[in-house]
Structures are given as C-alpha cells and as structure tokens.
Amino acid sequence: MVAHDTRYAMAEEYVSLARRYWEDAWSDDALIADRESGVYAQRSGIHRVVYEGDHYRSRGYYGAPPTPQRTPLLFQAGTSPAGRAFAARHAECVFVQATTPSHTAAAVADLHRRAGDEGRTTPLVTMAGLTAIVAETSAEARELADEFDRMQTDDVVATLYAGNTGIDLRTLDPDQTLHQVLDAGGPIGQMGTSNIERFLGSAERPAPTVREILDELRCRGTRGFRLVGDPTEVADGVEELAARTGLDGFLIEPVFGTRDVEAFGDLVLPILRERGRLSPRRSDATFRSRMRGMLPAAPVS
C-alpha cells in the first residue's frame, strides 16, 4: 500500500492537474455547436495542457467542453491531519467522521481554522453520516432498530472494521484496548485513521476494550450518528446534532436500503422544511449553488 501521506501528495498533484483541464483547456466562447455550419468548436479556444509533477504527467487537450460549474463541487473524506490539511486547501464540502458531538465539533472547528489559515474566504460545508431509523411511531422505529441490531454479529462488524482499518479485532485480546495494536507497530495512520482514533480514548472517555468496541460496532458499525424514533423525534435529533457540532448537513446512511431514504424524505424532511432548516428548492441551480447557496464559480485555489 502506498504510504498515507504519499497518497495525499499524489492527490495534491491530481487535483492541480484536473483543475488545469477543467478551468484552462477551453475558453468560454470555444463551444459553437452550430449544426448548420458543421462547426463544433473554435480551434483557437481549445488549449493544450502540459503538466509535469512528481507523480503525474499529462500533455494534451480536454475532449469535453466545460460544464456550467467548470470545476465540479469538490468533496473530501478523511480527517487525519493530512486529510484535514488537504481539505482546507482544496475541498468545498468535507465529510467528518462522527464520533461524539463534542469530538465532531472540535473536528469541524479545526477544519474551519485550517481553511482560514489557507486564506479561504468561503466557509467549508461540513457533514457527517447519519443513520436515521424513522417510522410513524417510536415503537415501530425501535422494532426496526432491534431487527437491524440482531443481524450485527461479531463476525459481521469485525469484518467491516478490518476492511476499513486493516485491524482484525477477532485476533486481539478482547480485554485489552486498541493500544495493543499500536504498541506492536500496527497500521494506524495508513487507512481508516478516524475509526481507529475514535477508540483510543480521550478526555471524554477512556479507551474501550476490544470487547466493548465490538459491542459498540454492533450498534453503530463504522457509521456516523444514529437516531431512532418517530418523525418529530428524529427531526429534533437532527437539529440538536447540528447545533452541538456545527455541522451543516448529514449524509443519510440507510440500513434497510431505499426504505430508510424514503422514510426520511417522507416523514422528516417536511418537518425540517417547515422549521426553516432546508433551503428552498431551485430547479435552475447547479449542485454547487444548492450545496453552498452561492453562484456557480470555481473554488478558491
């Protein structure tokens, strides 16, 4: 595996290269698309891109005209120190690993501070995963949550955790913490950093044992926050999490496929919209303007 920080160095170059093609390869008036004359584009408006980096090289022309956004909305997922630094320089929207509200709030504040240090003037949009199990009544929602929890065996959650972090919990002493992996020179810092650090202990709580980690993973897995209840309870929970963390939004992580997405849309979104928590619908908006409430423009370099 390529080393963690090297992967981010490669990503720095890749974003720089991609931006050259998105922003510089076509002039605004290059696309003609005139069927009668048979002219698709002005040759003088299409420019050769030459890029020489340590990891990537490219010389050529971009074969597609620019979109209304030119540079697409850039997301970053990864909250290691290198990941946050990369997000502060390049991202417009950042996925934050949701652990506790206070830990998430600290990560959000750190991202905004880093973006300010980079000279960014437009705030980052931050979001975290949310498992929302909602039904018409609290009792129905809790039945669904119990059904899901019964399916989460140690083998299931340990396999998912190993795929994310490279650590197989089943091979460890169940009565010791994850520090046994670090003490043996384990893989922290190479993948799944956030899902390792969440179990290393903090001022809020001591590091859990492997047995306790498995118990928590059966409930949450490597997912973000979890809300279970009727529509009003879940809407209240969303508002509370946003207030306590400073997050701008949530990525719905369904456990029962499209059922959860539809239930959230049908039952919770109307309440949030009525409370003024959702921006008005705009059919003419680009993805960037819907996410940021700003005019389509290239992100700050």
C-alpha atoms as a PDB file:
ATOM      1  CA  MET A   1       0.000   0.000   0.000  1.00  0.00           C
ATOM      2  CA  VAL A   2       1.212   3.500  -0.819  1.00  0.00           C
ATOM      3  CA  ALA A   3       2.002   5.364   2.401  1.00  0.00           C
ATOM      4  CA  HIS A   4      -0.766   7.572   3.805  1.00  0.00           C
ATOM      5  CA  ASP A   5       0.996  10.933   3.386  1.00  0.00           C
ATOM      6  CA  THR A   6       2.276   9.949  -0.062  1.00  0.00           C
ATOM      7  CA  ARG A   7      -1.307   9.302  -1.151  1.00  0.00           C
ATOM      8  CA  TYR A   8      -2.188  12.863  -0.187  1.00  0.00           C
ATOM      9  CA  ALA A   9       0.857  14.207  -2.031  1.00  0.00           C
ATOM     10  CA  MET A  10      -0.409  12.349  -5.100  1.00  0.00           C
ATOM     11  CA  ALA A  11      -3.887  13.769  -4.543  1.00  0.00           C
ATOM     12  CA  GLU A  12      -2.461  17.312  -4.416  1.00  0.00           C
ATOM     13  CA  GLU A  13      -0.987  16.836  -7.870  1.00  0.00           C
ATOM     14  CA  TYR A  14      -4.059  15.106  -9.242  1.00  0.00           C
ATOM     15  CA  VAL A  15      -6.370  17.946  -8.178  1.00  0.00           C
ATOM     16  CA  SER A  16      -3.986  20.515  -9.649  1.00  0.00           C
ATOM     17  CA  LEU A  17      -3.891  18.590 -12.927  1.00  0.00           C
ATOM     18  CA  ALA A  18      -7.651  18.125 -13.056  1.00  0.00           C
ATOM     19  CA  ARG A  19      -8.224  21.822 -12.414  1.00  0.00           C
ATOM     20  CA  ARG A  20      -5.973  22.703 -15.324  1.00  0.00           C
ATOM     21  CA  TYR A  21      -8.212  20.707 -17.647  1.00  0.00           C
ATOM     22  CA  TRP A  22     -11.455  21.926 -16.088  1.00  0.00           C
ATOM     23  CA  GLU A  23     -10.510  25.605 -15.959  1.00  0.00           C
ATOM     24  CA  ASP A  24      -7.894  26.287 -18.647  1.00  0.00           C
ATOM     25  CA  ALA A  25      -8.456  23.837 -21.502  1.00  0.00           C
ATOM     26  CA  TRP A  26     -11.464  25.595 -23.071  1.00  0.00           C
ATOM     27  CA  SER A  27     -12.197  29.300 -23.476  1.00  0.00           C
ATOM     28  CA  ASP A  28     -15.714  30.397 -22.578  1.00  0.00           C
ATOM     29  CA  ASP A  29     -16.588  31.033 -26.245  1.00  0.00           C
ATOM     30  CA  ALA A  30     -14.876  27.953 -27.692  1.00  0.00           C
ATOM     31  CA  LEU A  31     -18.018  25.829 -27.998  1.00  0.00           C
ATOM     32  CA  ILE A  32     -20.003  26.711 -31.146  1.00  0.00           C
ATOM     33  CA  ALA A  33     -22.138  23.597 -31.735  1.00  0.00           C
ATOM     34  CA  ASP A  34     -23.601  25.030 -34.940  1.00  0.00           C
ATOM     35  CA  ARG A  35     -25.319  22.200 -36.803  1.00  0.00           C
ATOM     36  CA  GLU A  36     -25.877  24.219 -40.000  1.00  0.00           C
ATOM     37  CA  SER A  37     -22.241  25.239 -40.460  1.00  0.00           C
ATOM     38  CA  GLY A  38     -20.913  21.971 -39.117  1.00  0.00           C
ATOM     39  CA  VAL A  39     -18.664  23.798 -36.647  1.00  0.00           C
ATOM     40  CA  TYR A  40     -18.475  22.238 -33.212  1.00  0.00           C
ATOM     41  CA  ALA A  41     -15.793  24.369 -31.595  1.00  0.00           C
ATOM     42  CA  GLN A  42     -13.289  27.094 -32.338  1.00  0.00           C
ATOM     43  CA  ARG A  43      -9.864  25.552 -32.533  1.00  0.00           C
ATOM     44  CA  SER A  44      -8.276  28.725 -31.136  1.00  0.00           C
ATOM     45  CA  GLY A  45     -10.378  28.382 -27.995  1.00  0.00           C
ATOM     46  CA  ILE A  46      -9.146  24.892 -27.110  1.00  0.00           C
ATOM     47  CA  HIS A  47      -5.805  24.946 -25.336  1.00  0.00           C
ATOM     48  CA  ARG A  48      -3.151  22.323 -24.780  1.00  0.00           C
ATOM     49  CA  VAL A  49      -2.451  21.458 -21.164  1.00  0.00           C
ATOM     50  CA  VAL A  50       1.055  20.491 -20.105  1.00  0.00           C
ATOM     51  CA  TYR A  51       1.581  19.234 -16.570  1.00  0.00           C
ATOM     52  CA  GLU A  52       4.770  17.820 -15.060  1.00  0.00           C
ATOM     53  CA  GLY A  53       4.685  16.570 -11.489  1.00  0.00           C
ATOM     54  CA  ASP A  54       6.468  14.071  -9.307  1.00  0.00           C
ATOM     55  CA  HIS A  55       3.572  11.611  -9.547  1.00  0.00           C
ATOM     56  CA  TYR A  56       1.610  12.626 -12.669  1.00  0.00           C
ATOM     57  CA  ARG A  57       2.452  13.921 -16.128  1.00  0.00           C
ATOM     58  CA  SER A  58      -0.032  14.961 -18.779  1.00  0.00           C
ATOM     59  CA  ARG A  59       0.128  16.652 -22.160  1.00  0.00           C
ATOM     60  CA  GLY A  60      -2.915  17.047 -24.304  1.00  0.00           C
ATOM     61  CA  TYR A  61      -6.336  18.510 -24.933  1.00  0.00           C
ATOM     62  CA  TYR A  62      -9.524  18.061 -22.959  1.00  0.00           C
ATOM     63  CA  GLY A  63     -12.115  16.362 -25.134  1.00  0.00           C
ATOM     64  CA  ALA A  64     -15.223  17.786 -23.466  1.00  0.00           C
ATOM     65  CA  PRO A  65     -16.457  21.375 -23.225  1.00  0.00           C
ATOM     66  CA  PRO A  66     -16.761  22.878 -19.741  1.00  0.00           C
ATOM     67  CA  THR A  67     -19.874  22.414 -17.654  1.00  0.00           C
ATOM     68  CA  PRO A  68     -21.670  25.432 -16.135  1.00  0.00           C
ATOM     69  CA  GLN A  69     -19.594  24.852 -12.999  1.00  0.00           C
ATOM     70  CA  ARG A  70     -16.324  24.116 -14.811  1.00  0.00           C
ATOM     71  CA  THR A  71     -14.687  22.666 -11.684  1.00  0.00           C
ATOM     72  CA  PRO A  72     -17.215  20.283 -10.101  1.00  0.00           C
ATOM     73  CA  LEU A  73     -18.048  20.625  -6.443  1.00  0.00           C
ATOM     74  CA  LEU A  74     -15.120  19.078  -4.577  1.00  0.00           C
ATOM     75  CA  PHE A  75     -15.713  16.792  -1.609  1.00  0.00           C
ATOM     76  CA  GLN A  76     -13.089  15.442   0.782  1.00  0.00           C
ATOM     77  CA  ALA A  77     -13.498  12.496   3.134  1.00  0.00           C
ATOM     78  CA  GLY A  78     -10.744  11.897   5.653  1.00  0.00           C
ATOM     79  CA  THR A  79      -9.996  13.669   8.903  1.00  0.00           C
ATOM     80  CA  SER A  80      -6.419  12.632   9.612  1.00  0.00           C
ATOM     81  CA  PRO A  81      -4.069  15.640   9.946  1.00  0.00           C
ATOM     82  CA  ALA A  82      -3.005  15.222   6.309  1.00  0.00           C
ATOM     83  CA  GLY A  83      -6.632  14.821   5.254  1.00  0.00           C
ATOM     84  CA  ARG A  84      -7.715  17.976   7.055  1.00  0.00           C
ATOM     85  CA  ALA A  85      -4.846  19.953   5.556  1.00  0.00           C
ATOM     86  CA  PHE A  86      -5.810  18.713   2.088  1.00  0.00           C
ATOM     87  CA  ALA A  87      -9.453  19.621   2.704  1.00  0.00           C
ATOM     88  CA  ALA A  88      -8.507  23.106   3.879  1.00  0.00           C
ATOM     89  CA  ARG A  89      -6.660  23.734   0.619  1.00  0.00           C
ATOM     90  CA  HIS A  90      -9.000  22.143  -1.902  1.00  0.00           C
ATOM     91  CA  ALA A  91     -12.380  20.935  -0.646  1.00  0.00           C
ATOM     92  CA  GLU A  92     -15.661  22.781  -0.616  1.00  0.00           C
ATOM     93  CA  CYS A  93     -17.554  20.070   1.275  1.00  0.00           C
ATOM     94  CA  VAL A  94     -15.954  17.812   3.878  1.00  0.00           C
ATOM     95  CA  PHE A  95     -17.221  14.553   5.359  1.00  0.00           C
ATOM     96  CA  VAL A  96     -16.354  14.383   9.067  1.00  0.00           C
ATOM     97  CA  GLN A  97     -16.200  11.087  10.953  1.00  0.00           C
ATOM     98  CA  ALA A  98     -18.955  11.366  13.553  1.00  0.00           C
ATOM     99  CA  THR A  99     -17.975  10.019  16.955  1.00  0.00           C
ATOM    100  CA  THR A 100     -19.245  12.073  19.886  1.00  0.00           C
ATOM    101  CA  PRO A 101     -20.844  15.501  19.364  1.00  0.00           C
ATOM    102  CA  SER A 102     -18.008  17.298  21.158  1.00  0.00           C
ATOM    103  CA  HIS A 103     -15.299  15.429  19.229  1.00  0.00           C
ATOM    104  CA  THR A 104     -17.106  16.175  15.974  1.00  0.00           C
ATOM    105  CA  ALA A 105     -17.468  19.845  16.935  1.00  0.00           C
ATOM    106  CA  ALA A 106     -13.718  20.037  17.550  1.00  0.00           C
ATOM    107  CA  ALA A 107     -13.009  18.494  14.134  1.00  0.00           C
ATOM    108  CA  VAL A 108     -15.388  20.946  12.431  1.00  0.00           C
ATOM    109  CA  ALA A 109     -13.782  23.912  14.200  1.00  0.00           C
ATOM    110  CA  ASP A 110     -10.315  22.688  13.243  1.00  0.00           C
ATOM    111  CA  LEU A 111     -11.303  22.391   9.582  1.00  0.00           C
ATOM    112  CA  HIS A 112     -12.648  25.951   9.537  1.00  0.00           C
ATOM    113  CA  ARG A 113      -9.486  27.219  11.256  1.00  0.00           C
ATOM    114  CA  ARG A 114      -7.266  25.456   8.742  1.00  0.00           C
ATOM    115  CA  ALA A 115      -9.310  26.826   5.830  1.00  0.00           C
ATOM    116  CA  GLY A 116      -8.911  30.336   7.239  1.00  0.00           C
ATOM    117  CA  ASP A 117      -5.164  29.823   7.561  1.00  0.00           C
ATOM    118  CA  GLU A 118      -5.119  28.906   3.857  1.00  0.00           C
ATOM    119  CA  GLY A 119      -6.777  32.216   3.008  1.00  0.00           C
ATOM    120  CA  ARG A 120     -10.136  30.685   2.174  1.00  0.00           C
ATOM    121  CA  THR A 121     -12.924  33.258   2.347  1.00  0.00           C
ATOM    122  CA  THR A 122     -15.889  30.978   1.654  1.00  0.00           C
ATOM    123  CA  PRO A 123     -16.706  28.665   4.585  1.00  0.00           C
ATOM    124  CA  LEU A 124     -16.394  24.928   4.126  1.00  0.00           C
ATOM    125  CA  VAL A 125     -19.583  22.886   4.148  1.00  0.00           C
ATOM    126  CA  THR A 126     -19.214  20.077   6.683  1.00  0.00           C
ATOM    127  CA  MET A 127     -21.330  16.975   7.012  1.00  0.00           C
ATOM    128  CA  ALA A 128     -21.315  13.630   8.783  1.00  0.00           C
ATOM    129  CA  GLY A 129     -23.014  10.289   8.373  1.00  0.00           C
ATOM    130  CA  LEU A 130     -26.403   9.764   9.985  1.00  0.00           C
ATOM    131  CA  THR A 131     -28.284   6.517  10.416  1.00  0.00           C
ATOM    132  CA  ALA A 132     -31.895   7.593  10.842  1.00  0.00           C
ATOM    133  CA  ILE A 133     -34.345   4.795  11.585  1.00  0.00           C
ATOM    134  CA  VAL A 134     -37.711   6.534  11.490  1.00  0.00           C
ATOM    135  CA  ALA A 135     -41.293   5.284  11.394  1.00  0.00           C
ATOM    136  CA  GLU A 136     -44.759   6.660  12.089  1.00  0.00           C
ATOM    137  CA  THR A 137     -44.413   5.768  15.780  1.00  0.00           C
ATOM    138  CA  SER A 138     -41.477   5.436  18.164  1.00  0.00           C
ATOM    139  CA  ALA A 139     -42.384   1.810  18.844  1.00  0.00           C
ATOM    140  CA  GLU A 140     -42.265   0.901  15.145  1.00  0.00           C
ATOM    141  CA  ALA A 141     -38.913   2.634  14.733  1.00  0.00           C
ATOM    142  CA  ARG A 142     -37.417   0.804  17.708  1.00  0.00           C
ATOM    143  CA  GLU A 143     -38.656  -2.527  16.346  1.00  0.00           C
ATOM    144  CA  LEU A 144     -36.795  -1.793  13.113  1.00  0.00           C
ATOM    145  CA  ALA A 145     -33.668  -0.802  15.037  1.00  0.00           C
ATOM    146  CA  ASP A 146     -33.833  -4.011  17.077  1.00  0.00           C
ATOM    147  CA  GLU A 147     -34.212  -6.055  13.883  1.00  0.00           C
ATOM    148  CA  PHE A 148     -31.106  -4.448  12.419  1.00  0.00           C
ATOM    149  CA  ASP A 149     -29.103  -4.865  15.630  1.00  0.00           C
ATOM    150  CA  ARG A 150     -29.886  -8.593  15.763  1.00  0.00           C
ATOM    151  CA  MET A 151     -28.198  -9.028  12.376  1.00  0.00           C
ATOM    152  CA  GLN A 152     -24.932  -7.465  13.559  1.00  0.00           C
ATOM    153  CA  THR A 153     -22.810 -10.354  14.832  1.00  0.00           C
ATOM    154  CA  ASP A 154     -19.216 -10.036  15.992  1.00  0.00           C
ATOM    155  CA  ASP A 155     -18.031 -11.606  12.737  1.00  0.00           C
ATOM    156  CA  VAL A 156     -20.016  -9.131  10.636  1.00  0.00           C
ATOM    157  CA  VAL A 157     -18.839  -5.991  12.406  1.00  0.00           C
ATOM    158  CA  ALA A 158     -15.255  -7.223  12.839  1.00  0.00           C
ATOM    159  CA  THR A 159     -15.024  -7.917   9.104  1.00  0.00           C
ATOM    160  CA  LEU A 160     -16.338  -4.442   8.268  1.00  0.00           C
ATOM    161  CA  TYR A 161     -13.910  -2.868  10.712  1.00  0.00           C
ATOM    162  CA  ALA A 162     -10.981  -4.833   9.304  1.00  0.00           C
ATOM    163  CA  GLY A 163     -11.859  -3.725   5.787  1.00  0.00           C
ATOM    164  CA  ASN A 164     -11.863  -0.090   6.895  1.00  0.00           C
ATOM    165  CA  THR A 165      -8.842  -0.046   9.198  1.00  0.00           C
ATOM    166  CA  GLY A 166      -6.740  -3.129   8.473  1.00  0.00           C
ATOM    167  CA  ILE A 167      -7.213  -4.316  12.071  1.00  0.00           C
ATOM    168  CA  ASP A 168      -8.915  -7.675  12.703  1.00  0.00           C
ATOM    169  CA  LEU A 169     -10.430  -7.342  16.165  1.00  0.00           C
ATOM    170  CA  ARG A 170     -11.005 -11.102  16.360  1.00  0.00           C
ATOM    171  CA  THR A 171      -7.260 -11.712  16.613  1.00  0.00           C
ATOM    172  CA  LEU A 172      -6.774  -9.383  19.594  1.00  0.00           C
ATOM    173  CA  ASP A 173      -7.035  -9.825  23.359  1.00  0.00           C
ATOM    174  CA  PRO A 174     -10.696  -8.909  23.989  1.00  0.00           C
ATOM    175  CA  ASP A 175      -9.912  -7.469  27.425  1.00  0.00           C
ATOM    176  CA  GLN A 176      -7.245  -5.043  26.185  1.00  0.00           C
ATOM    177  CA  THR A 177      -7.604  -1.782  24.257  1.00  0.00           C
ATOM    178  CA  LEU A 178      -6.504  -0.982  20.711  1.00  0.00           C
ATOM    179  CA  HIS A 179      -3.265   0.304  22.171  1.00  0.00           C
ATOM    180  CA  GLN A 180      -2.080  -3.314  21.971  1.00  0.00           C
ATOM    181  CA  VAL A 181      -2.030  -2.849  18.179  1.00  0.00           C
ATOM    182  CA  LEU A 182      -0.160   0.451  18.361  1.00  0.00           C
ATOM    183  CA  ASP A 183       2.355  -0.939  20.811  1.00  0.00           C
ATOM    184  CA  ALA A 184       3.092  -3.708  18.304  1.00  0.00           C
ATOM    185  CA  GLY A 185       3.612  -1.211  15.471  1.00  0.00           C
ATOM    186  CA  GLY A 186       0.146  -1.648  13.975  1.00  0.00           C
ATOM    187  CA  PRO A 187      -1.299   0.037  10.888  1.00  0.00           C
ATOM    188  CA  ILE A 188      -2.609   3.301  12.353  1.00  0.00           C
ATOM    189  CA  GLY A 189      -2.033   6.199  10.012  1.00  0.00           C
ATOM    190  CA  GLN A 190      -2.349   4.184   6.799  1.00  0.00           C
ATOM    191  CA  MET A 191      -6.114   3.674   6.457  1.00  0.00           C
ATOM    192  CA  GLY A 192      -9.287   4.203   8.452  1.00  0.00           C
ATOM    193  CA  THR A 193      -7.490   6.580  10.801  1.00  0.00           C
ATOM    194  CA  SER A 194     -10.673   8.158  12.146  1.00  0.00           C
ATOM    195  CA  ASN A 195     -12.198   4.791  13.008  1.00  0.00           C
ATOM    196  CA  ILE A 196      -9.055   3.833  14.903  1.00  0.00           C
ATOM    197  CA  GLU A 197      -8.646   7.099  16.782  1.00  0.00           C
ATOM    198  CA  ARG A 198     -12.268   7.051  17.961  1.00  0.00           C
ATOM    199  CA  PHE A 199     -11.401   4.043  20.153  1.00  0.00           C
ATOM    200  CA  LEU A 200      -8.048   5.227  21.542  1.00  0.00           C
ATOM    201  CA  GLY A 201      -9.537   7.172  24.424  1.00  0.00           C
ATOM    202  CA  SER A 202      -9.971  10.879  25.106  1.00  0.00           C
ATOM    203  CA  ALA A 203     -10.753  13.318  27.874  1.00  0.00           C
ATOM    204  CA  GLU A 204     -14.406  12.316  27.487  1.00  0.00           C
ATOM    205  CA  ARG A 205     -13.949   8.603  27.975  1.00  0.00           C
ATOM    206  CA  PRO A 206     -11.166   6.067  28.494  1.00  0.00           C
ATOM    207  CA  ALA A 207     -10.170   3.774  25.652  1.00  0.00           C
ATOM    208  CA  PRO A 208     -12.657   0.886  25.419  1.00  0.00           C
ATOM    209  CA  THR A 209     -11.563  -2.732  25.374  1.00  0.00           C
ATOM    210  CA  VAL A 210     -11.830  -4.767  22.185  1.00  0.00           C
ATOM    211  CA  ARG A 211     -14.895  -6.474  23.656  1.00  0.00           C
ATOM    212  CA  GLU A 212     -16.516  -3.061  24.228  1.00  0.00           C
ATOM    213  CA  ILE A 213     -15.532  -1.941  20.733  1.00  0.00           C
ATOM    214  CA  LEU A 214     -17.339  -4.938  19.241  1.00  0.00           C
ATOM    215  CA  ASP A 215     -20.410  -4.108  21.328  1.00  0.00           C
ATOM    216  CA  GLU A 216     -20.395  -0.541  20.008  1.00  0.00           C
ATOM    217  CA  LEU A 217     -19.791  -1.634  16.435  1.00  0.00           C
ATOM    218  CA  ARG A 218     -22.798  -3.964  16.560  1.00  0.00           C
ATOM    219  CA  CYS A 219     -24.899  -0.876  17.234  1.00  0.00           C
ATOM    220  CA  ARG A 220     -23.194   1.698  15.017  1.00  0.00           C
ATOM    221  CA  GLY A 221     -20.629  -0.072  12.907  1.00  0.00           C
ATOM    222  CA  THR A 222     -18.281   2.461  11.349  1.00  0.00           C
ATOM    223  CA  ARG A 223     -21.248   4.698  10.689  1.00  0.00           C
ATOM    224  CA  GLY A 224     -21.878   8.189  11.975  1.00  0.00           C
ATOM    225  CA  PHE A 225     -24.564   9.340  14.368  1.00  0.00           C
ATOM    226  CA  ARG A 226     -27.703   7.286  14.926  1.00  0.00           C
ATOM    227  CA  LEU A 227     -31.250   8.484  15.565  1.00  0.00           C
ATOM    228  CA  VAL A 228     -34.251   6.224  16.160  1.00  0.00           C
ATOM    229  CA  GLY A 229     -37.795   7.455  16.635  1.00  0.00           C
ATOM    230  CA  ASP A 230     -40.910   8.964  15.172  1.00  0.00           C
ATOM    231  CA  PRO A 231     -40.644  11.867  12.684  1.00  0.00           C
ATOM    232  CA  THR A 232     -40.646  14.614  15.313  1.00  0.00           C
ATOM    233  CA  GLU A 233     -38.086  12.829  17.489  1.00  0.00           C
ATOM    234  CA  VAL A 234     -35.724  12.339  14.566  1.00  0.00           C
ATOM    235  CA  ALA A 235     -36.168  15.929  13.359  1.00  0.00           C
ATOM    236  CA  ASP A 236     -35.435  17.161  16.884  1.00  0.00           C
ATOM    237  CA  GLY A 237     -32.336  14.966  16.962  1.00  0.00           C
ATOM    238  CA  VAL A 238     -31.087  16.343  13.653  1.00  0.00           C
ATOM    239  CA  GLU A 239     -31.451  19.904  14.908  1.00  0.00           C
ATOM    240  CA  GLU A 240     -29.728  19.098  18.189  1.00  0.00           C
ATOM    241  CA  LEU A 241     -26.789  17.404  16.462  1.00  0.00           C
ATOM    242  CA  ALA A 242     -26.374  20.335  14.076  1.00  0.00           C
ATOM    243  CA  ALA A 243     -26.405  22.787  16.986  1.00  0.00           C
ATOM    244  CA  ARG A 244     -23.932  20.818  19.099  1.00  0.00           C
ATOM    245  CA  THR A 245     -21.463  20.000  16.324  1.00  0.00           C
ATOM    246  CA  GLY A 246     -21.573  22.930  13.914  1.00  0.00           C
ATOM    247  CA  LEU A 247     -22.231  20.532  11.028  1.00  0.00           C
ATOM    248  CA  ASP A 248     -24.043  21.926   8.002  1.00  0.00           C
ATOM    249  CA  GLY A 249     -25.681  18.684   6.957  1.00  0.00           C
ATOM    250  CA  PHE A 250     -25.824  14.916   7.119  1.00  0.00           C
ATOM    251  CA  LEU A 251     -25.302  12.025   4.732  1.00  0.00           C
ATOM    252  CA  ILE A 252     -28.113   9.525   5.261  1.00  0.00           C
ATOM    253  CA  GLU A 253     -26.660   6.035   5.773  1.00  0.00           C
ATOM    254  CA  PRO A 254     -29.553   3.592   5.270  1.00  0.00           C
ATOM    255  CA  VAL A 255     -29.642   0.220   6.973  1.00  0.00           C
ATOM    256  CA  PHE A 256     -32.737  -1.060   5.140  1.00  0.00           C
ATOM    257  CA  GLY A 257     -31.901   0.228   1.678  1.00  0.00           C
ATOM    258  CA  THR A 258     -34.207   2.681  -0.026  1.00  0.00           C
ATOM    259  CA  ARG A 259     -36.811   2.222   2.711  1.00  0.00           C
ATOM    260  CA  ASP A 260     -34.798   4.437   5.085  1.00  0.00           C
ATOM    261  CA  VAL A 261     -34.164   7.129   2.480  1.00  0.00           C
ATOM    262  CA  GLU A 262     -37.831   7.260   1.500  1.00  0.00           C
ATOM    263  CA  ALA A 263     -38.972   7.316   5.128  1.00  0.00           C
ATOM    264  CA  PHE A 264     -36.615  10.171   5.961  1.00  0.00           C
ATOM    265  CA  GLY A 265     -37.760  12.104   2.903  1.00  0.00           C
ATOM    266  CA  ASP A 266     -41.457  11.499   3.504  1.00  0.00           C
ATOM    267  CA  LEU A 267     -41.549  11.845   7.290  1.00  0.00           C
ATOM    268  CA  VAL A 268     -38.661  14.023   8.468  1.00  0.00           C
ATOM    269  CA  LEU A 269     -37.858  16.454   5.654  1.00  0.00           C
ATOM    270  CA  PRO A 270     -41.312  18.112   5.727  1.00  0.00           C
ATOM    271  CA  ILE A 271     -40.793  18.906   9.419  1.00  0.00           C
ATOM    272  CA  LEU A 272     -37.314  20.294   8.848  1.00  0.00           C
ATOM    273  CA  ARG A 273     -38.554  22.338   5.893  1.00  0.00           C
ATOM    274  CA  GLU A 274     -41.417  23.741   7.967  1.00  0.00           C
ATOM    275  CA  ARG A 275     -38.905  24.738  10.648  1.00  0.00           C
ATOM    276  CA  GLY A 276     -36.778  26.580   8.086  1.00  0.00           C
ATOM    277  CA  ARG A 277     -33.903  24.100   8.241  1.00  0.00           C
ATOM    278  CA  LEU A 278     -33.846  23.377   4.489  1.00  0.00           C
ATOM    279  CA  SER A 279     -33.075  25.804   1.704  1.00  0.00           C
ATOM    280  CA  PRO A 280     -35.838  26.467  -0.864  1.00  0.00           C
ATOM    281  CA  ARG A 281     -35.967  24.151  -3.863  1.00  0.00           C
ATOM    282  CA  ARG A 282     -34.417  25.595  -7.020  1.00  0.00           C
ATOM    283  CA  SER A 283     -34.766  23.802 -10.328  1.00  0.00           C
ATOM    284  CA  ASP A 284     -32.265  26.088 -12.075  1.00  0.00           C
ATOM    285  CA  ALA A 285     -29.455  25.676  -9.564  1.00  0.00           C
ATOM    286  CA  THR A 286     -26.168  23.862 -10.046  1.00  0.00           C
ATOM    287  CA  PHE A 287     -25.062  21.322  -7.485  1.00  0.00           C
ATOM    288  CA  ARG A 288     -22.581  23.861  -6.090  1.00  0.00           C
ATOM    289  CA  SER A 289     -25.183  26.576  -5.626  1.00  0.00           C
ATOM    290  CA  ARG A 290     -27.600  24.145  -3.997  1.00  0.00           C
ATOM    291  CA  MET A 291     -24.939  22.945  -1.584  1.00  0.00           C
ATOM    292  CA  ARG A 292     -23.368  26.299  -0.860  1.00  0.00           C
ATOM    293  CA  GLY A 293     -26.029  28.866  -1.649  1.00  0.00           C
ATOM    294  CA  MET A 294     -23.574  30.660  -3.924  1.00  0.00           C
ATOM    295  CA  LEU A 295     -23.291  31.459  -7.615  1.00  0.00           C
ATOM    296  CA  PRO A 296     -21.549  28.897  -9.826  1.00  0.00           C
ATOM    297  CA  ALA A 297     -17.867  29.694  -9.616  1.00  0.00           C
ATOM    298  CA  ALA A 298     -14.557  27.932  -9.416  1.00  0.00           C
ATOM    299  CA  PRO A 299     -13.463  27.103  -5.865  1.00  0.00           C
ATOM    300  CA  VAL A 300     -10.716  29.092  -4.226  1.00  0.00           C
ATOM    301  CA  SER A 301      -7.321  27.616  -5.088  1.00  0.00           C
END
